[in-house]
Protein backbone atom coordinates (compact mmCIF):
# COMPACT_ATOMS: atom_id res chain seq x y z
CA MET A 1 -37.94 -135.20 29.90
CA ASP A 2 -36.22 -134.03 26.90
CA ASP A 3 -38.36 -130.67 26.93
CA THR A 4 -36.74 -129.65 30.03
CA ILE A 5 -33.50 -130.56 29.20
CA ASP A 6 -33.84 -128.21 26.49
CA ALA A 7 -35.72 -125.47 28.01
CA VAL A 8 -32.69 -125.56 30.33
CA GLN A 9 -29.76 -125.39 27.51
CA ALA A 10 -31.85 -122.62 25.83
CA ASP A 11 -31.82 -120.43 29.00
CA ARG A 12 -28.36 -120.85 29.11
CA GLU A 13 -27.60 -120.38 25.46
CA LEU A 14 -29.40 -116.87 25.90
CA LYS A 15 -28.09 -116.02 29.13
CA ASN A 16 -24.59 -116.57 27.89
CA LYS A 17 -25.74 -114.51 24.70
CA HIS A 18 -26.74 -111.97 27.66
CA ARG A 19 -23.66 -111.77 29.20
CA ALA A 20 -21.12 -111.35 26.20
CA MET A 21 -23.61 -108.77 24.80
CA TRP A 22 -23.03 -106.21 28.28
CA ALA A 23 -18.91 -107.44 27.74
CA LEU A 24 -18.71 -105.69 24.59
CA GLY A 25 -17.45 -102.52 24.33
CA ASP A 26 -17.48 -100.18 27.62
CA TYR A 27 -20.05 -100.25 29.77
CA PRO A 28 -18.50 -98.69 33.16
CA ALA A 29 -17.23 -95.59 31.21
CA LEU A 30 -19.85 -95.04 30.17
CA ALA A 31 -22.03 -95.51 33.61
CA THR A 32 -19.51 -93.45 34.75
CA ASP A 33 -19.44 -90.81 32.00
CA ILE A 34 -23.11 -90.56 31.40
CA ILE A 35 -25.21 -91.87 33.61
CA ALA A 36 -23.57 -91.36 37.20
CA ASP A 37 -26.17 -89.25 39.22
CA LEU A 38 -28.80 -92.21 38.50
CA GLY A 39 -26.95 -94.29 40.63
CA PRO A 40 -27.45 -91.88 43.49
CA ALA A 41 -30.57 -90.41 42.51
CA LEU A 42 -31.77 -94.16 43.26
CA VAL A 43 -30.56 -94.62 46.95
CA ARG A 44 -32.08 -91.72 47.77
CA ALA A 45 -35.55 -92.92 46.88
CA GLY A 46 -34.75 -96.00 48.48
CA ARG A 47 -34.23 -94.19 51.74
CA ILE A 48 -30.96 -96.65 52.46
CA ARG A 49 -29.50 -95.91 55.66
CA PRO A 50 -26.57 -97.21 57.79
CA GLY A 51 -26.61 -100.68 58.88
CA ASP A 52 -29.23 -101.77 55.86
CA ARG A 53 -28.65 -104.64 54.01
CA VAL A 54 -29.03 -103.92 50.36
CA LEU A 55 -28.56 -105.96 46.66
CA ASP A 56 -28.26 -104.42 44.05
CA VAL A 57 -29.57 -106.63 41.23
CA ALA A 58 -27.74 -106.40 37.90
CA ALA A 59 -25.54 -103.83 39.10
CA GLY A 60 -23.17 -103.48 36.40
CA SER A 61 -19.91 -102.07 37.70
CA GLY A 62 -21.61 -100.23 40.34
CA ASN A 63 -23.10 -97.37 39.47
CA ALA A 64 -25.95 -97.55 42.06
CA ALA A 65 -24.09 -100.13 44.83
CA ILE A 66 -20.93 -98.14 45.31
CA PRO A 67 -23.34 -94.62 46.59
CA ALA A 68 -25.48 -97.12 48.57
CA ALA A 69 -22.23 -98.29 50.47
CA LEU A 70 -21.00 -94.99 50.93
CA SER A 71 -24.26 -94.21 52.76
CA GLY A 72 -22.92 -96.69 55.59
CA ALA A 73 -25.01 -99.88 54.07
CA SER A 74 -23.80 -103.58 53.59
CA VAL A 75 -24.32 -103.92 49.74
CA VAL A 76 -23.85 -106.81 47.67
CA ALA A 77 -23.55 -106.50 43.75
CA SER A 78 -24.69 -108.65 41.51
CA ASP A 79 -24.85 -109.11 38.04
CA LEU A 80 -24.74 -111.60 35.71
CA THR A 81 -21.93 -110.49 33.65
CA PRO A 82 -18.42 -110.50 35.71
CA GLU A 83 -16.43 -108.92 33.81
CA LEU A 84 -18.17 -105.44 34.44
CA PHE A 85 -17.15 -106.03 38.40
CA ASP A 86 -13.34 -105.16 37.57
CA ALA A 87 -13.77 -101.27 37.06
CA GLY A 88 -16.58 -101.63 39.83
CA ARG A 89 -14.22 -102.57 42.66
CA ARG A 90 -11.13 -100.13 41.02
CA ARG A 91 -13.97 -97.41 41.87
CA ALA A 92 -14.96 -98.92 44.85
CA ALA A 93 -11.62 -98.56 45.93
CA GLU A 94 -10.91 -95.33 44.95
CA VAL A 95 -13.88 -93.73 46.65
CA GLY A 96 -13.56 -96.37 50.44
CA ALA A 97 -16.15 -98.18 49.99
CA HIS A 98 -16.53 -101.57 50.85
CA VAL A 99 -19.04 -103.50 48.49
CA GLU A 100 -19.41 -107.43 47.98
CA TRP A 101 -19.13 -108.41 44.04
CA GLN A 102 -20.99 -111.63 43.07
CA GLN A 103 -22.00 -113.03 39.25
CA ALA A 104 -25.81 -114.23 39.69
CA ASP A 105 -28.67 -114.32 37.49
CA ALA A 106 -31.65 -111.79 37.88
CA GLU A 107 -34.28 -114.41 36.97
CA ALA A 108 -32.40 -117.08 39.44
CA MET A 109 -30.53 -115.48 41.87
CA PRO A 110 -28.63 -117.09 45.28
CA PHE A 111 -29.79 -115.29 48.04
CA ALA A 112 -31.88 -116.56 50.58
CA ASP A 113 -35.56 -115.64 50.88
CA ASP A 114 -36.27 -112.37 52.58
CA GLU A 115 -32.71 -111.76 53.07
CA PHE A 116 -31.94 -107.80 52.51
CA ASP A 117 -33.42 -104.71 53.45
CA THR A 118 -33.66 -103.08 49.85
CA VAL A 119 -33.40 -104.77 46.68
CA MET A 120 -32.60 -102.42 44.05
CA SER A 121 -31.75 -102.03 40.13
CA CYS A 122 -30.72 -99.26 38.13
CA VAL A 123 -31.55 -99.58 34.22
CA GLY A 124 -30.01 -103.16 34.89
CA VAL A 125 -32.85 -105.83 35.89
CA MET A 126 -35.08 -103.87 33.33
CA PHE A 127 -33.10 -106.55 30.48
CA ALA A 128 -33.53 -109.51 31.69
CA PRO A 129 -35.59 -111.57 29.57
CA HIS A 130 -38.31 -112.61 31.40
CA HIS A 131 -39.69 -109.63 33.50
CA GLN A 132 -41.89 -111.59 35.57
CA ALA A 133 -39.07 -114.22 36.73
CA SER A 134 -37.16 -111.29 37.59
CA ALA A 135 -39.45 -109.41 39.42
CA ASP A 136 -40.27 -112.80 41.35
CA GLU A 137 -36.55 -113.08 42.40
CA LEU A 138 -36.57 -109.52 43.72
CA VAL A 139 -39.57 -109.88 46.21
CA ARG A 140 -38.23 -113.21 46.84
CA VAL A 141 -35.14 -111.95 48.34
CA CYS A 142 -36.69 -108.69 49.53
CA ARG A 143 -37.58 -109.50 53.65
CA PRO A 144 -41.32 -108.20 54.70
CA GLY A 145 -41.64 -104.68 54.75
CA GLY A 146 -38.59 -104.03 53.21
CA THR A 147 -38.29 -101.52 50.00
CA ILE A 148 -37.82 -102.76 46.12
CA SER A 149 -36.37 -99.53 44.61
CA LEU A 150 -35.64 -99.44 40.27
CA LEU A 151 -35.01 -96.95 38.04
CA SER A 152 -35.64 -97.65 34.43
CA TRP A 153 -35.92 -96.14 31.21
CA THR A 154 -39.41 -95.33 29.73
CA PRO A 155 -40.57 -96.48 26.14
CA GLU A 156 -41.31 -92.98 25.33
CA GLY A 157 -37.65 -91.88 26.33
CA PHE A 158 -34.85 -91.39 24.39
CA ILE A 159 -33.30 -94.60 25.27
CA GLY A 160 -36.66 -96.57 24.46
CA GLN A 161 -36.77 -94.84 21.44
CA MET A 162 -33.12 -95.73 20.73
CA PHE A 163 -34.26 -99.44 21.68
CA ALA A 164 -36.90 -99.39 19.06
CA THR A 165 -34.96 -97.68 16.66
CA MET A 166 -32.50 -100.63 16.76
CA LYS A 167 -34.90 -103.63 16.94
CA PRO A 168 -35.78 -103.89 12.51
CA TYR A 169 -31.58 -104.66 12.59
CA ALA A 170 -31.40 -106.85 15.82
CA PRO A 171 -31.83 -110.65 15.31
CA PRO A 172 -35.57 -111.49 16.46
CA PRO A 173 -35.99 -111.88 20.66
CA PRO A 174 -36.28 -115.63 21.62
CA PRO A 175 -39.50 -116.63 22.42
CA GLY A 176 -41.26 -115.60 25.57
CA ALA A 177 -38.60 -112.53 26.35
CA GLN A 178 -40.18 -109.02 26.71
CA PRO A 179 -38.70 -105.53 25.89
CA PRO A 180 -36.79 -103.79 28.10
CA PRO A 181 -38.05 -100.33 28.31
CA LEU A 182 -41.57 -102.24 29.72
CA TRP A 183 -40.04 -101.61 33.10
CA GLY A 184 -40.43 -97.91 32.22
CA ARG A 185 -44.44 -98.42 32.58
CA GLU A 186 -45.97 -97.78 35.88
CA ASP A 187 -48.66 -100.30 35.20
CA HIS A 188 -46.44 -103.32 33.57
CA VAL A 189 -44.38 -102.96 36.94
CA ARG A 190 -47.07 -102.91 39.25
CA ALA A 191 -48.75 -106.01 37.42
CA LEU A 192 -45.43 -107.79 37.98
CA PHE A 193 -45.41 -107.35 41.72
CA SER A 194 -49.29 -107.50 41.90
CA HIS A 195 -50.74 -107.81 44.96
CA ARG A 196 -47.03 -108.87 46.94
CA VAL A 197 -45.99 -104.82 47.26
CA THR A 198 -47.99 -101.88 48.95
CA ASP A 199 -47.04 -98.16 48.99
CA VAL A 200 -46.08 -98.05 45.21
CA VAL A 201 -44.54 -94.22 44.70
CA ALA A 202 -43.70 -94.19 40.74
CA THR A 203 -42.31 -91.11 39.06
CA ARG A 204 -40.75 -89.95 35.65
CA LYS A 205 -38.12 -87.75 35.96
CA THR A 206 -34.92 -87.06 33.05
CA LEU A 207 -31.49 -87.02 33.26
CA ARG A 208 -30.20 -83.91 31.12
CA VAL A 209 -27.06 -85.10 29.17
CA ASP A 210 -24.87 -82.72 27.55
CA GLN A 211 -21.74 -84.55 26.44
CA PHE A 212 -21.67 -85.08 23.32
CA ARG A 213 -21.26 -82.39 20.37
CA SER A 214 -23.38 -83.95 17.59
CA PRO A 215 -26.22 -86.29 17.30
CA GLU A 216 -23.40 -88.13 15.65
CA ASP A 217 -21.19 -88.51 18.41
CA PHE A 218 -23.69 -89.65 20.49
CA ARG A 219 -23.72 -92.41 17.71
CA ASP A 220 -20.13 -92.90 17.74
CA TYR A 221 -20.01 -93.31 21.63
CA PHE A 222 -22.79 -95.70 21.86
CA LYS A 223 -21.32 -97.79 18.63
CA THR A 224 -18.18 -98.20 20.74
CA ARG A 225 -19.22 -98.69 24.22
CA TYR A 226 -22.62 -100.28 24.69
CA GLY A 227 -23.38 -103.96 24.25
CA PRO A 228 -26.55 -103.76 22.64
CA THR A 229 -25.56 -101.09 20.61
CA ILE A 230 -22.21 -102.62 19.37
CA ALA A 231 -24.12 -106.38 19.43
CA VAL A 232 -27.12 -104.92 16.72
CA TYR A 233 -24.36 -103.46 14.26
CA ARG A 234 -22.64 -106.83 14.42
CA ASN A 235 -25.73 -108.51 13.40
CA ILE A 236 -26.03 -106.15 10.19
CA ALA A 237 -22.05 -105.99 9.48
CA ASP A 238 -22.08 -107.51 6.52
CA TYR A 239 -25.15 -105.07 5.19
CA PRO A 240 -23.80 -102.03 4.17
CA ASP A 241 -26.13 -99.90 3.42
CA ARG A 242 -28.03 -101.28 6.60
CA VAL A 243 -25.16 -99.98 8.51
CA ALA A 244 -25.49 -96.73 6.57
CA ALA A 245 -29.64 -96.40 7.35
CA LEU A 246 -28.83 -97.58 11.31
CA ASP A 247 -26.45 -94.89 11.04
CA ARG A 248 -28.53 -92.34 10.10
CA GLU A 249 -31.26 -93.16 12.24
CA LEU A 250 -29.55 -92.75 15.20
CA ALA A 251 -28.02 -89.81 14.40
CA ASP A 252 -31.65 -88.25 13.56
CA LEU A 253 -33.16 -89.59 16.66
CA ALA A 254 -30.31 -87.69 18.74
CA ARG A 255 -31.31 -85.24 16.61
CA ARG A 256 -34.69 -85.12 17.36
CA PHE A 257 -34.41 -84.95 20.96
CA ASP A 258 -31.48 -82.48 21.12
CA TYR A 259 -32.42 -79.13 21.88
CA GLY A 260 -28.83 -77.61 22.60
CA THR A 261 -27.59 -74.73 20.83
CA GLY A 262 -23.58 -75.52 19.65
CA SER A 263 -23.87 -79.46 20.89
CA THR A 264 -26.01 -81.91 21.80
CA VAL A 265 -28.33 -81.58 24.70
CA MET A 266 -30.73 -83.91 25.64
CA ASN A 267 -33.15 -85.07 28.37
CA TRP A 268 -33.53 -88.87 28.72
CA GLU A 269 -36.93 -89.65 30.65
CA TYR A 270 -36.77 -92.49 33.39
CA LEU A 271 -39.07 -94.22 35.99
CA LEU A 272 -38.06 -94.12 39.45
CA LEU A 273 -39.96 -96.68 41.58
CA THR A 274 -40.22 -97.70 44.90
CA ALA A 275 -42.15 -100.28 46.82
CA ARG A 276 -42.73 -102.22 49.93
CA LYS A 277 -42.83 -105.63 50.14
CA TRP A 278 -45.81 -106.63 52.08
């Protein structure tokens, strides 16, 4: 009994840390400034239609939920970090989209079995620490014959490499936690879903990112707006040499991916995967 109580408490503490991390900075601004095109791309890939019942898992401020609602679907946007919802509500109101916002843990969602026609996540569920638990929930709440649509950063792409760059400066992950970019590997996702899905279509695509004047501009933007980056810098705040080293490494990473002339232009790779639940 004590072991069970300890495990529940440890999971609660881990989720509280994740919630606090994503509330740092200004992720809604980043979603609007940098990755606004990804949500509509996921909605198109999932072939969401008017009248569909849709769940956006780890929805953030609604980068995918809002375009899904604009397509005529009935949409629930769920996220562990409800602090992100206010920006989503404002954006939805601006464009006339009706979205239901609900706090939920992707690894233990408060929805019924087989409740949704489409279950989707845009660079969201990949950050839940226990991949199998999240995959099981995605399948559980999707109706038989329904669609699971996922967009995830790849390990080899820019964001995957950014996490690899930050890893030596971050606290060690808790036992059982898996790296987020694994969701960007088709074989990993197929293994998570196993025989429970069919008609898997997986395509690697890239997002053109040209909003930054320089590699250092990218670094400074993420240092102030992106929760995971902010958290890593807080972890090393008492070590100026390590802060300076990470500063250099993040700018160098952007420089390696930069193919612009006069300003920084990068292609950020992601995996777009759809599947049908048996």
